[in-house]
């Protein structure tokens, strides 16, 4: 595998894993700071932790949302069965 291909593969890996987005957000926020910190590397370290925490929280919330949607669908099916059973009893 050529060096260029390896570099492209690594870049794609960083993009898929969210590293590029996280670094871009941190660097953009550093750029927008009116009072630049004396230690830019420390600023990046601190803010990178926040991005990672937010990403984990978002992933957990997405998982919880999917589980909740599945539970709602299951409960709707149960409700429909009970409503059908009630309609059958009323008709008879």
PDB file of N, CA and C in Angstrom:
ATOM      1  N   UNK A   1       0.854  -1.171   0.000  1.00  0.00           N
ATOM      2  CA  UNK A   1       0.000   0.000   0.000  1.00  0.00           C
ATOM      3  C   UNK A   1       0.904   1.239   0.000  1.00  0.00           C
ATOM      4  N   UNK A   2       0.620   2.174  -0.863  1.00  0.00           N
ATOM      5  CA  UNK A   2       1.462   3.366  -0.974  1.00  0.00           C
ATOM      6  C   UNK A   2       1.243   4.299   0.215  1.00  0.00           C
ATOM      7  N   UNK A   3       2.142   5.217   0.386  1.00  0.00           N
ATOM      8  CA  UNK A   3       2.058   6.183   1.482  1.00  0.00           C
ATOM      9  C   UNK A   3       0.800   7.035   1.341  1.00  0.00           C
ATOM     10  N   UNK A   4       0.492   7.429   0.122  1.00  0.00           N
ATOM     11  CA  UNK A   4      -0.698   8.243  -0.121  1.00  0.00           C
ATOM     12  C   UNK A   4      -1.965   7.471   0.227  1.00  0.00           C
ATOM     13  N   UNK A   5      -2.018   6.214  -0.149  1.00  0.00           N
ATOM     14  CA  UNK A   5      -3.182   5.385   0.159  1.00  0.00           C
ATOM     15  C   UNK A   5      -3.323   5.199   1.665  1.00  0.00           C
ATOM     16  N   UNK A   6      -2.201   4.979   2.351  1.00  0.00           N
ATOM     17  CA  UNK A   6      -2.236   4.830   3.811  1.00  0.00           C
ATOM     18  C   UNK A   6      -2.724   6.120   4.467  1.00  0.00           C
ATOM     19  N   UNK A   7      -2.244   7.237   3.967  1.00  0.00           N
ATOM     20  CA  UNK A   7      -2.647   8.534   4.513  1.00  0.00           C
ATOM     21  C   UNK A   7      -4.145   8.757   4.305  1.00  0.00           C
ATOM     22  N   UNK A   8      -4.641   8.442   3.114  1.00  0.00           N
ATOM     23  CA  UNK A   8      -6.066   8.599   2.829  1.00  0.00           C
ATOM     24  C   UNK A   8      -6.905   7.684   3.708  1.00  0.00           C
ATOM     25  N   UNK A   9      -6.458   6.461   3.887  1.00  0.00           N
ATOM     26  CA  UNK A   9      -7.176   5.510   4.735  1.00  0.00           C
ATOM     27  C   UNK A   9      -7.231   6.007   6.181  1.00  0.00           C
ATOM     28  N   UNK A  10      -6.120   6.535   6.657  1.00  0.00           N
ATOM     29  CA  UNK A  10      -6.069   7.058   8.021  1.00  0.00           C
ATOM     30  C   UNK A  10      -6.978   8.275   8.171  1.00  0.00           C
ATOM     31  N   UNK A  11      -6.981   9.153   7.167  1.00  0.00           N
ATOM     32  CA  UNK A  11      -7.854  10.326   7.192  1.00  0.00           C
ATOM     33  C   UNK A  11      -9.321   9.901   7.242  1.00  0.00           C
ATOM     34  N   UNK A  12      -9.683   8.901   6.445  1.00  0.00           N
ATOM     35  CA  UNK A  12     -11.057   8.399   6.447  1.00  0.00           C
ATOM     36  C   UNK A  12     -11.417   7.808   7.803  1.00  0.00           C
ATOM     37  N   UNK A  13     -10.472   7.113   8.407  1.00  0.00           N
ATOM     38  CA  UNK A  13     -10.678   6.549   9.743  1.00  0.00           C
ATOM     39  C   UNK A  13     -10.951   7.666  10.757  1.00  0.00           C
ATOM     40  N   UNK A  14     -10.149   8.734  10.700  1.00  0.00           N
ATOM     41  CA  UNK A  14     -10.337   9.859  11.622  1.00  0.00           C
ATOM     42  C   UNK A  14     -11.690  10.531  11.400  1.00  0.00           C
ATOM     43  N   UNK A  15     -12.111  10.639  10.158  1.00  0.00           N
ATOM     44  CA  UNK A  15     -13.410  11.238   9.860  1.00  0.00           C
ATOM     45  C   UNK A  15     -14.550  10.359  10.364  1.00  0.00           C
ATOM     46  N   UNK A  16     -14.463   9.045  10.110  1.00  0.00           N
ATOM     47  CA  UNK A  16     -15.515   8.120  10.556  1.00  0.00           C
ATOM     48  C   UNK A  16     -15.655   8.113  12.072  1.00  0.00           C
ATOM     49  N   UNK A  17     -14.540   8.206  12.767  1.00  0.00           N
ATOM     50  CA  UNK A  17     -14.574   8.111  14.224  1.00  0.00           C
ATOM     51  C   UNK A  17     -14.897   9.439  14.904  1.00  0.00           C
ATOM     52  N   UNK A  18     -15.049  10.508  14.134  1.00  0.00           N
ATOM     53  CA  UNK A  18     -15.439  11.793  14.701  1.00  0.00           C
ATOM     54  C   UNK A  18     -14.287  12.653  15.184  1.00  0.00           C
ATOM     55  N   UNK A  19     -13.067  12.183  14.993  1.00  0.00           N
ATOM     56  CA  UNK A  19     -11.898  12.933  15.458  1.00  0.00           C
ATOM     57  C   UNK A  19     -11.773  14.258  14.714  1.00  0.00           C
ATOM     58  N   UNK A  20     -11.950  14.235  13.417  1.00  0.00           N
ATOM     59  CA  UNK A  20     -11.806  15.459  12.620  1.00  0.00           C
ATOM     60  C   UNK A  20     -12.828  16.510  13.054  1.00  0.00           C
ATOM     61  N   UNK A  21     -14.075  16.093  13.274  1.00  0.00           N
ATOM     62  CA  UNK A  21     -15.102  17.035  13.719  1.00  0.00           C
ATOM     63  C   UNK A  21     -14.754  17.621  15.079  1.00  0.00           C
ATOM     64  N   UNK A  22     -14.312  16.764  16.001  1.00  0.00           N
ATOM     65  CA  UNK A  22     -13.974  17.226  17.347  1.00  0.00           C
ATOM     66  C   UNK A  22     -12.836  18.237  17.304  1.00  0.00           C
ATOM     67  N   UNK A  23     -11.793  17.920  16.566  1.00  0.00           N
ATOM     68  CA  UNK A  23     -10.656  18.840  16.477  1.00  0.00           C
ATOM     69  C   UNK A  23     -11.040  20.143  15.787  1.00  0.00           C
ATOM     70  N   UNK A  24     -11.856  20.044  14.757  1.00  0.00           N
ATOM     71  CA  UNK A  24     -12.299  21.245  14.050  1.00  0.00           C
ATOM     72  C   UNK A  24     -13.094  22.155  14.978  1.00  0.00           C
ATOM     73  N   UNK A  25     -14.002  21.568  15.766  1.00  0.00           N
ATOM     74  CA  UNK A  25     -14.802  22.368  16.698  1.00  0.00           C
ATOM     75  C   UNK A  25     -13.922  23.041  17.741  1.00  0.00           C
ATOM     76  N   UNK A  26     -12.966  22.302  18.274  1.00  0.00           N
ATOM     77  CA  UNK A  26     -12.084  22.860  19.301  1.00  0.00           C
ATOM     78  C   UNK A  26     -11.227  23.984  18.727  1.00  0.00           C
ATOM     79  N   UNK A  27     -10.649  23.752  17.560  1.00  0.00           N
ATOM     80  CA  UNK A  27      -9.811  24.783  16.943  1.00  0.00           C
ATOM     81  C   UNK A  27     -10.632  26.016  16.563  1.00  0.00           C
ATOM     82  N   UNK A  28     -11.863  25.802  16.124  1.00  0.00           N
ATOM     83  CA  UNK A  28     -12.730  26.935  15.797  1.00  0.00           C
ATOM     84  C   UNK A  28     -13.064  27.733  17.055  1.00  0.00           C
ATOM     85  N   UNK A  29     -13.340  27.038  18.154  1.00  0.00           N
ATOM     86  CA  UNK A  29     -13.650  27.758  19.395  1.00  0.00           C
ATOM     87  C   UNK A  29     -12.422  28.501  19.910  1.00  0.00           C
ATOM     88  N   UNK A  30     -11.248  27.928  19.755  1.00  0.00           N
ATOM     89  CA  UNK A  30     -10.010  28.612  20.141  1.00  0.00           C
ATOM     90  C   UNK A  30      -9.811  29.860  19.279  1.00  0.00           C
ATOM     91  N   UNK A  31     -10.073  29.738  18.008  1.00  0.00           N
ATOM     92  CA  UNK A  31      -9.940  30.870  17.088  1.00  0.00           C
ATOM     93  C   UNK A  31     -10.891  32.004  17.477  1.00  0.00           C
ATOM     94  N   UNK A  32     -12.110  31.639  17.918  1.00  0.00           N
ATOM     95  CA  UNK A  32     -13.128  32.636  18.249  1.00  0.00           C
ATOM     96  C   UNK A  32     -12.941  33.254  19.632  1.00  0.00           C
ATOM     97  N   UNK A  33     -12.065  32.704  20.452  1.00  0.00           N
ATOM     98  CA  UNK A  33     -11.803  33.267  21.781  1.00  0.00           C
ATOM     99  C   UNK A  33     -11.264  34.686  21.634  1.00  0.00           C
ATOM    100  N   UNK A  34     -11.870  35.623  22.361  1.00  0.00           N
ATOM    101  CA  UNK A  34     -11.358  36.991  22.314  1.00  0.00           C
ATOM    102  C   UNK A  34     -10.069  37.111  23.117  1.00  0.00           C
ATOM    103  N   UNK A  35     -10.033  36.460  24.268  1.00  0.00           N
ATOM    104  CA  UNK A  35      -8.814  36.426  25.084  1.00  0.00           C
ATOM    105  C   UNK A  35      -8.169  35.066  24.884  1.00  0.00           C
ATOM    106  N   UNK A  36      -7.179  35.023  24.042  1.00  0.00           N
ATOM    107  CA  UNK A  36      -6.512  33.749  23.741  1.00  0.00           C
ATOM    108  C   UNK A  36      -5.797  33.228  24.986  1.00  0.00           C
ATOM    109  N   UNK A  37      -5.939  31.930  25.272  1.00  0.00           N
ATOM    110  CA  UNK A  37      -5.242  31.354  26.426  1.00  0.00           C
ATOM    111  C   UNK A  37      -3.730  31.352  26.195  1.00  0.00           C
ATOM    112  N   UNK A  38      -2.993  31.417  27.289  1.00  0.00           N
ATOM    113  CA  UNK A  38      -1.535  31.400  27.161  1.00  0.00           C
ATOM    114  C   UNK A  38      -1.041  30.027  26.740  1.00  0.00           C
ATOM    115  N   UNK A  39      -1.753  28.991  27.153  1.00  0.00           N
ATOM    116  CA  UNK A  39      -1.365  27.618  26.809  1.00  0.00           C
ATOM    117  C   UNK A  39      -2.440  27.009  25.907  1.00  0.00           C
ATOM    118  N   UNK A  40      -2.245  27.123  24.613  1.00  0.00           N
ATOM    119  CA  UNK A  40      -3.235  26.631  23.650  1.00  0.00           C
ATOM    120  C   UNK A  40      -3.409  25.121  23.749  1.00  0.00           C
ATOM    121  N   UNK A  41      -2.337  24.410  24.020  1.00  0.00           N
ATOM    122  CA  UNK A  41      -2.432  22.957  24.132  1.00  0.00           C
ATOM    123  C   UNK A  41      -3.305  22.548  25.317  1.00  0.00           C
ATOM    124  N   UNK A  42      -3.180  23.243  26.426  1.00  0.00           N
ATOM    125  CA  UNK A  42      -4.023  22.964  27.597  1.00  0.00           C
ATOM    126  C   UNK A  42      -5.488  23.262  27.281  1.00  0.00           C
ATOM    127  N   UNK A  43      -5.739  24.330  26.552  1.00  0.00           N
ATOM    128  CA  UNK A  43      -7.096  24.672  26.117  1.00  0.00           C
ATOM    129  C   UNK A  43      -7.689  23.524  25.298  1.00  0.00           C
ATOM    130  N   UNK A  44      -6.901  23.003  24.380  1.00  0.00           N
ATOM    131  CA  UNK A  44      -7.363  21.899  23.534  1.00  0.00           C
ATOM    132  C   UNK A  44      -7.625  20.661  24.382  1.00  0.00           C
ATOM    133  N   UNK A  45      -6.732  20.356  25.310  1.00  0.00           N
ATOM    134  CA  UNK A  45      -6.932  19.189  26.183  1.00  0.00           C
ATOM    135  C   UNK A  45      -8.228  19.296  26.966  1.00  0.00           C
ATOM    136  N   UNK A  46      -8.452  20.468  27.572  1.00  0.00           N
ATOM    137  CA  UNK A  46      -9.662  20.651  28.380  1.00  0.00           C
ATOM    138  C   UNK A  46     -10.915  20.515  27.524  1.00  0.00           C
ATOM    139  N   UNK A  47     -10.915  21.165  26.386  1.00  0.00           N
ATOM    140  CA  UNK A  47     -12.099  21.158  25.540  1.00  0.00           C
ATOM    141  C   UNK A  47     -12.300  19.837  24.819  1.00  0.00           C
ATOM    142  N   UNK A  48     -11.249  19.105  24.575  1.00  0.00           N
ATOM    143  CA  UNK A  48     -11.385  17.793  23.947  1.00  0.00           C
ATOM    144  C   UNK A  48     -12.128  16.846  24.879  1.00  0.00           C
ATOM    145  N   UNK A  49     -11.871  16.945  26.161  1.00  0.00           N
ATOM    146  CA  UNK A  49     -12.598  16.131  27.136  1.00  0.00           C
ATOM    147  C   UNK A  49     -14.082  16.402  27.088  1.00  0.00           C
ATOM    148  N   UNK A  50     -14.456  17.672  26.927  1.00  0.00           N
ATOM    149  CA  UNK A  50     -15.869  18.024  26.839  1.00  0.00           C
ATOM    150  C   UNK A  50     -16.502  17.448  25.588  1.00  0.00           C
ATOM    151  N   UNK A  51     -15.790  17.488  24.489  1.00  0.00           N
ATOM    152  CA  UNK A  51     -16.317  16.953  23.229  1.00  0.00           C
ATOM    153  C   UNK A  51     -16.520  15.449  23.345  1.00  0.00           C
ATOM    154  N   UNK A  52     -15.560  14.752  23.936  1.00  0.00           N
ATOM    155  CA  UNK A  52     -15.670  13.301  24.101  1.00  0.00           C
ATOM    156  C   UNK A  52     -16.845  12.968  25.009  1.00  0.00           C
ATOM    157  N   UNK A  53     -16.990  13.707  26.118  1.00  0.00           N
ATOM    158  CA  UNK A  53     -18.107  13.471  27.025  1.00  0.00           C
ATOM    159  C   UNK A  53     -19.433  13.691  26.316  1.00  0.00           C
ATOM    160  N   UNK A  54     -19.524  14.761  25.526  1.00  0.00           N
ATOM    161  CA  UNK A  54     -20.754  15.046  24.794  1.00  0.00           C
ATOM    162  C   UNK A  54     -21.050  13.956  23.775  1.00  0.00           C
ATOM    163  N   UNK A  55     -20.033  13.461  23.118  1.00  0.00           N
ATOM    164  CA  UNK A  55     -20.221  12.411  22.122  1.00  0.00           C
ATOM    165  C   UNK A  55     -20.744  11.143  22.779  1.00  0.00           C
ATOM    166  N   UNK A  56     -20.184  10.782  23.911  1.00  0.00           N
ATOM    167  CA  UNK A  56     -20.658   9.597  24.627  1.00  0.00           C
ATOM    168  C   UNK A  56     -22.098   9.784  25.077  1.00  0.00           C
ATOM    169  N   UNK A  57     -22.415  10.971  25.580  1.00  0.00           N
ATOM    170  CA  UNK A  57     -23.778  11.241  26.024  1.00  0.00           C
ATOM    171  C   UNK A  57     -24.750  11.168  24.849  1.00  0.00           C
ATOM    172  N   UNK A  58     -24.359  11.721  23.721  1.00  0.00           N
ATOM    173  CA  UNK A  58     -25.213  11.680  22.532  1.00  0.00           C
ATOM    174  C   UNK A  58     -25.430  10.239  22.087  1.00  0.00           C
ATOM    175  N   UNK A  59     -24.376   9.438  22.073  1.00  0.00           N
ATOM    176  CA  UNK A  59     -24.509   8.032  21.696  1.00  0.00           C
ATOM    177  C   UNK A  59     -25.452   7.300  22.645  1.00  0.00           C
ATOM    178  N   UNK A  60     -25.322   7.555  23.942  1.00  0.00           N
ATOM    179  CA  UNK A  60     -26.207   6.925  24.922  1.00  0.00           C
ATOM    180  C   UNK A  60     -27.648   7.366  24.727  1.00  0.00           C
ATOM    181  N   UNK A  61     -27.851   8.646  24.450  1.00  0.00           N
ATOM    182  CA  UNK A  61     -29.204   9.147  24.231  1.00  0.00           C
ATOM    183  C   UNK A  61     -29.817   8.570  22.960  1.00  0.00           C
ATOM    184  N   UNK A  62     -29.011   8.409  21.913  1.00  0.00           N
ATOM    185  CA  UNK A  62     -29.518   7.796  20.681  1.00  0.00           C
ATOM    186  C   UNK A  62     -29.950   6.358  20.937  1.00  0.00           C
ATOM    187  N   UNK A  63     -29.146   5.631  21.696  1.00  0.00           N
ATOM    188  CA  UNK A  63     -29.482   4.245  22.027  1.00  0.00           C
ATOM    189  C   UNK A  63     -30.770   4.200  22.847  1.00  0.00           C
ATOM    190  N   UNK A  64     -30.879   5.088  23.826  1.00  0.00           N
ATOM    191  CA  UNK A  64     -32.078   5.143  24.660  1.00  0.00           C
ATOM    192  C   UNK A  64     -33.304   5.495  23.821  1.00  0.00           C
ATOM    193  N   UNK A  65     -33.142   6.404  22.866  1.00  0.00           N
ATOM    194  CA  UNK A  65     -34.245   6.784  21.992  1.00  0.00           C
ATOM    195  C   UNK A  65     -34.714   5.595  21.160  1.00  0.00           C
ATOM    196  N   UNK A  66     -33.783   4.844  20.594  1.00  0.00           N
ATOM    197  CA  UNK A  66     -34.146   3.669  19.796  1.00  0.00           C
ATOM    198  C   UNK A  66     -34.874   2.632  20.652  1.00  0.00           C
ATOM    199  N   UNK A  67     -34.386   2.419  21.872  1.00  0.00           N
ATOM    200  CA  UNK A  67     -35.044   1.473  22.772  1.00  0.00           C
ATOM    201  C   UNK A  67     -36.450   1.951  23.115  1.00  0.00           C
ATOM    202  N   UNK A  68     -36.603   3.248  23.332  1.00  0.00           N
ATOM    203  CA  UNK A  68     -37.914   3.808  23.658  1.00  0.00           C
ATOM    204  C   UNK A  68     -38.874   3.685  22.479  1.00  0.00           C
ATOM    205  N   UNK A  69     -38.361   3.921  21.275  1.00  0.00           N
ATOM    206  CA  UNK A  69     -39.207   3.772  20.087  1.00  0.00           C
ATOM    207  C   UNK A  69     -39.686   2.331  19.940  1.00  0.00           C
ATOM    208  N   UNK A  70     -38.806   1.384  20.202  1.00  0.00           N
ATOM    209  CA  UNK A  70     -39.184  -0.030  20.120  1.00  0.00           C
ATOM    210  C   UNK A  70     -40.241  -0.351  21.169  1.00  0.00           C
ATOM    211  N   UNK A  71     -40.085   0.184  22.370  1.00  0.00           N
ATOM    212  CA  UNK A  71     -41.050  -0.062  23.450  1.00  0.00           C
ATOM    213  C   UNK A  71     -42.400   0.552  23.098  1.00  0.00           C
ATOM    214  N   UNK A  72     -42.392   1.756  22.532  1.00  0.00           N
ATOM    215  CA  UNK A  72     -43.639   2.407  22.123  1.00  0.00           C
ATOM    216  C   UNK A  72     -44.345   1.568  21.062  1.00  0.00           C
ATOM    217  N   UNK A  73     -43.605   1.065  20.087  1.00  0.00           N
ATOM    218  CA  UNK A  73     -44.200   0.230  19.040  1.00  0.00           C
ATOM    219  C   UNK A  73     -44.805  -1.032  19.646  1.00  0.00           C
ATOM    220  N   UNK A  74     -44.085  -1.633  20.588  1.00  0.00           N
ATOM    221  CA  UNK A  74     -44.586  -2.839  21.257  1.00  0.00           C
ATOM    222  C   UNK A  74     -45.870  -2.532  22.030  1.00  0.00           C
ATOM    223  N   UNK A  75     -45.894  -1.424  22.742  1.00  0.00           N
ATOM    224  CA  UNK A  75     -47.078  -1.054  23.517  1.00  0.00           C
ATOM    225  C   UNK A  75     -48.256  -0.702  22.613  1.00  0.00           C
ATOM    226  N   UNK A  76     -47.979  -0.101  21.458  1.00  0.00           N
ATOM    227  CA  UNK A  76     -49.055   0.196  20.512  1.00  0.00           C
ATOM    228  C   UNK A  76     -49.698  -1.089  20.003  1.00  0.00           C
ATOM    229  N   UNK A  77     -48.875  -2.110  19.740  1.00  0.00           N
ATOM    230  CA  UNK A  77     -49.418  -3.397  19.306  1.00  0.00           C
ATOM    231  C   UNK A  77     -50.295  -4.011  20.393  1.00  0.00           C
ATOM    232  N   UNK A  78     -49.821  -3.966  21.630  1.00  0.00           N
ATOM    233  CA  UNK A  78     -50.614  -4.505  22.744  1.00  0.00           C
ATOM    234  C   UNK A  78     -51.928  -3.753  22.879  1.00  0.00           C
ATOM    235  N   UNK A  79     -51.864  -2.431  22.780  1.00  0.00           N
ATOM    236  CA  UNK A  79     -53.065  -1.615  22.893  1.00  0.00           C
ATOM    237  C   UNK A  79     -54.053  -1.957  21.784  1.00  0.00           C
ATOM    238  N   UNK A  80     -53.553  -2.119  20.576  1.00  0.00           N
ATOM    239  CA  UNK A  80     -54.425  -2.460  19.450  1.00  0.00           C
ATOM    240  C   UNK A  80     -55.104  -3.805  19.686  1.00  0.00           C
ATOM    241  N   UNK A  81     -54.374  -4.775  20.245  1.00  0.00           N
ATOM    242  CA  UNK A  81     -54.968  -6.084  20.546  1.00  0.00           C
ATOM    243  C   UNK A  81     -56.064  -5.955  21.591  1.00  0.00           C
ATOM    244  N   UNK A  82     -55.809  -5.173  22.637  1.00  0.00           N
ATOM    245  CA  UNK A  82     -56.812  -4.993  23.688  1.00  0.00           C
ATOM    246  C   UNK A  82     -58.025  -4.235  23.174  1.00  0.00           C
ATOM    247  N   UNK A  83     -57.795  -3.238  22.341  1.00  0.00           N
ATOM    248  CA  UNK A  83     -58.915  -2.501  21.767  1.00  0.00           C
ATOM    249  C   UNK A  83     -59.743  -3.406  20.874  1.00  0.00           C
ATOM    250  N   UNK A  84     -59.081  -4.260  20.097  1.00  0.00           N
ATOM    251  CA  UNK A  84     -59.789  -5.207  19.239  1.00  0.00           C
ATOM    252  C   UNK A  84     -60.591  -6.187  20.092  1.00  0.00           C
ATOM    253  N   UNK A  85     -59.999  -6.678  21.169  1.00  0.00           N
ATOM    254  CA  UNK A  85     -60.698  -7.610  22.058  1.00  0.00           C
ATOM    255  C   UNK A  85     -61.906  -6.930  22.688  1.00  0.00           C
ATOM    256  N   UNK A  86     -61.771  -5.672  23.067  1.00  0.00           N
ATOM    257  CA  UNK A  86     -62.874  -4.922  23.660  1.00  0.00           C
ATOM    258  C   UNK A  86     -63.973  -4.711  22.631  1.00  0.00           C
ATOM    259  N   UNK A  87     -63.616  -4.397  21.396  1.00  0.00           N
ATOM    260  CA  UNK A  87     -64.604  -4.213  20.336  1.00  0.00           C
ATOM    261  C   UNK A  87     -65.354  -5.514  20.076  1.00  0.00           C
ATOM    262  N   UNK A  88     -64.651  -6.643  20.106  1.00  0.00           N
ATOM    263  CA  UNK A  88     -65.288  -7.939  19.885  1.00  0.00           C
ATOM    264  C   UNK A  88     -66.281  -8.242  20.992  1.00  0.00           C
ATOM    265  N   UNK A  89     -65.968  -7.903  22.219  1.00  0.00           N
ATOM    266  CA  UNK A  89     -66.856  -8.158  23.353  1.00  0.00           C
ATOM    267  C   UNK A  89     -68.087  -7.284  23.252  1.00  0.00           C
ATOM    268  N   UNK A  90     -67.952  -6.036  22.869  1.00  0.00           N
ATOM    269  CA  UNK A  90     -69.070  -5.107  22.757  1.00  0.00           C
ATOM    270  C   UNK A  90     -70.000  -5.540  21.638  1.00  0.00           C
ATOM    271  N   UNK A  91     -69.465  -6.031  20.537  1.00  0.00           N
ATOM    272  CA  UNK A  91     -70.271  -6.441  19.390  1.00  0.00           C
ATOM    273  C   UNK A  91     -71.098  -7.673  19.734  1.00  0.00           C
ATOM    274  N   UNK A  92     -70.554  -8.584  20.481  1.00  0.00           N
ATOM    275  CA  UNK A  92     -71.266  -9.828  20.786  1.00  0.00           C
ATOM    276  C   UNK A  92     -72.326  -9.583  21.749  1.00  0.00           C
TER     277      UNK A  92
END
